[in-house]
């Protein structure tokens, strides 16, 4: 007696996802290749930077803002 296994839900979902991606890729091939985009910037309404604007940048390097260096980073694993 032959054993017939039913594909699991994950396999069916994967096949559905691959099929959907294939269909979208086929329809995307019909899109015009030479599309142009236009960006208009009005830079005439700029404001001067204040003289007192300094020291407001914070960059968290090696999780130093979370209480110091982590042990994994110190031991260089």
C-alpha atoms as a PDB file:
ATOM      1  CA  UNK A   1       0.000   0.000   0.000  1.00  0.00           C
ATOM      2  CA  UNK A   2       1.519   3.281  -1.109  1.00  0.00           C
ATOM      3  CA  UNK A   3       1.822   6.086   1.398  1.00  0.00           C
ATOM      4  CA  UNK A   4       0.586   9.474   0.191  1.00  0.00           C
ATOM      5  CA  UNK A   5       1.721  12.347   2.375  1.00  0.00           C
ATOM      6  CA  UNK A   6      -0.241  15.577   2.317  1.00  0.00           C
ATOM      7  CA  UNK A   7       2.028  18.651   2.028  1.00  0.00           C
ATOM      8  CA  UNK A   8       2.168  20.662   5.201  1.00  0.00           C
ATOM      9  CA  UNK A   9       0.683  24.131   5.450  1.00  0.00           C
ATOM     10  CA  UNK A  10       4.154  25.680   5.343  1.00  0.00           C
ATOM     11  CA  UNK A  11       4.990  24.046   2.017  1.00  0.00           C
ATOM     12  CA  UNK A  12       1.697  25.164   0.504  1.00  0.00           C
ATOM     13  CA  UNK A  13       2.245  28.690   1.795  1.00  0.00           C
ATOM     14  CA  UNK A  14       5.755  28.752   0.331  1.00  0.00           C
ATOM     15  CA  UNK A  15       4.499  27.563  -3.062  1.00  0.00           C
ATOM     16  CA  UNK A  16       1.741  30.184  -2.993  1.00  0.00           C
ATOM     17  CA  UNK A  17       4.283  32.900  -2.154  1.00  0.00           C
ATOM     18  CA  UNK A  18       6.635  31.822  -4.954  1.00  0.00           C
ATOM     19  CA  UNK A  19       3.753  31.684  -7.436  1.00  0.00           C
ATOM     20  CA  UNK A  20       2.527  35.132  -6.401  1.00  0.00           C
ATOM     21  CA  UNK A  21       6.020  36.610  -6.765  1.00  0.00           C
ATOM     22  CA  UNK A  22       6.345  35.000 -10.204  1.00  0.00           C
ATOM     23  CA  UNK A  23       3.044  36.508 -11.354  1.00  0.00           C
ATOM     24  CA  UNK A  24       3.951  39.995 -10.101  1.00  0.00           C
ATOM     25  CA  UNK A  25       7.330  39.727 -11.834  1.00  0.00           C
ATOM     26  CA  UNK A  26       5.632  38.768 -15.106  1.00  0.00           C
ATOM     27  CA  UNK A  27       3.284  41.745 -14.920  1.00  0.00           C
ATOM     28  CA  UNK A  28       6.165  44.070 -13.980  1.00  0.00           C
ATOM     29  CA  UNK A  29       7.943  43.167 -17.216  1.00  0.00           C
ATOM     30  CA  UNK A  30       5.230  45.030 -19.122  1.00  0.00           C
ATOM     31  CA  UNK A  31       5.945  48.319 -17.342  1.00  0.00           C
ATOM     32  CA  UNK A  32       7.707  50.935 -19.432  1.00  0.00           C
ATOM     33  CA  UNK A  33      11.430  50.781 -18.777  1.00  0.00           C
ATOM     34  CA  UNK A  34      12.335  54.428 -19.440  1.00  0.00           C
ATOM     35  CA  UNK A  35      10.343  56.221 -16.788  1.00  0.00           C
ATOM     36  CA  UNK A  36      11.480  59.654 -15.684  1.00  0.00           C
ATOM     37  CA  UNK A  37      10.937  61.282 -12.327  1.00  0.00           C
ATOM     38  CA  UNK A  38      10.955  64.996 -11.611  1.00  0.00           C
ATOM     39  CA  UNK A  39      11.743  66.575  -8.251  1.00  0.00           C
ATOM     40  CA  UNK A  40      11.125  70.283  -7.742  1.00  0.00           C
ATOM     41  CA  UNK A  41      12.731  71.928  -4.716  1.00  0.00           C
ATOM     42  CA  UNK A  42      11.948  75.492  -3.681  1.00  0.00           C
ATOM     43  CA  UNK A  43      15.068  76.554  -1.758  1.00  0.00           C
ATOM     44  CA  UNK A  44      14.194  80.245  -1.654  1.00  0.00           C
ATOM     45  CA  UNK A  45      12.486  80.051   1.755  1.00  0.00           C
ATOM     46  CA  UNK A  46      15.547  79.031   3.757  1.00  0.00           C
ATOM     47  CA  UNK A  47      16.181  80.339   7.270  1.00  0.00           C
ATOM     48  CA  UNK A  48      19.581  81.173   8.779  1.00  0.00           C
ATOM     49  CA  UNK A  49      21.021  78.810  11.387  1.00  0.00           C
ATOM     50  CA  UNK A  50      20.972  80.221  14.931  1.00  0.00           C
ATOM     51  CA  UNK A  51      24.346  81.083  16.477  1.00  0.00           C
ATOM     52  CA  UNK A  52      23.497  79.063  19.612  1.00  0.00           C
ATOM     53  CA  UNK A  53      22.736  75.798  17.806  1.00  0.00           C
ATOM     54  CA  UNK A  54      25.459  73.393  18.867  1.00  0.00           C
ATOM     55  CA  UNK A  55      25.809  70.169  20.871  1.00  0.00           C
ATOM     56  CA  UNK A  56      22.396  68.646  20.236  1.00  0.00           C
ATOM     57  CA  UNK A  57      23.553  65.566  18.315  1.00  0.00           C
ATOM     58  CA  UNK A  58      23.721  62.205  20.119  1.00  0.00           C
ATOM     59  CA  UNK A  59      25.024  59.099  18.356  1.00  0.00           C
ATOM     60  CA  UNK A  60      24.770  55.853  20.281  1.00  0.00           C
ATOM     61  CA  UNK A  61      27.936  53.900  19.525  1.00  0.00           C
ATOM     62  CA  UNK A  62      28.358  50.365  20.909  1.00  0.00           C
ATOM     63  CA  UNK A  63      25.226  50.755  23.043  1.00  0.00           C
ATOM     64  CA  UNK A  64      26.939  53.392  25.197  1.00  0.00           C
ATOM     65  CA  UNK A  65      23.616  55.194  25.653  1.00  0.00           C
ATOM     66  CA  UNK A  66      22.121  52.070  27.251  1.00  0.00           C
ATOM     67  CA  UNK A  67      24.493  52.128  30.216  1.00  0.00           C
ATOM     68  CA  UNK A  68      27.953  51.530  28.845  1.00  0.00           C
ATOM     69  CA  UNK A  69      29.711  48.942  26.713  1.00  0.00           C
ATOM     70  CA  UNK A  70      28.305  45.429  26.699  1.00  0.00           C
ATOM     71  CA  UNK A  71      30.519  42.603  27.896  1.00  0.00           C
ATOM     72  CA  UNK A  72      30.470  40.920  24.478  1.00  0.00           C
ATOM     73  CA  UNK A  73      31.948  44.042  22.903  1.00  0.00           C
ATOM     74  CA  UNK A  74      34.611  44.469  25.586  1.00  0.00           C
ATOM     75  CA  UNK A  75      35.877  40.867  25.360  1.00  0.00           C
ATOM     76  CA  UNK A  76      35.850  41.109  21.537  1.00  0.00           C
ATOM     77  CA  UNK A  77      34.255  37.728  20.889  1.00  0.00           C
END
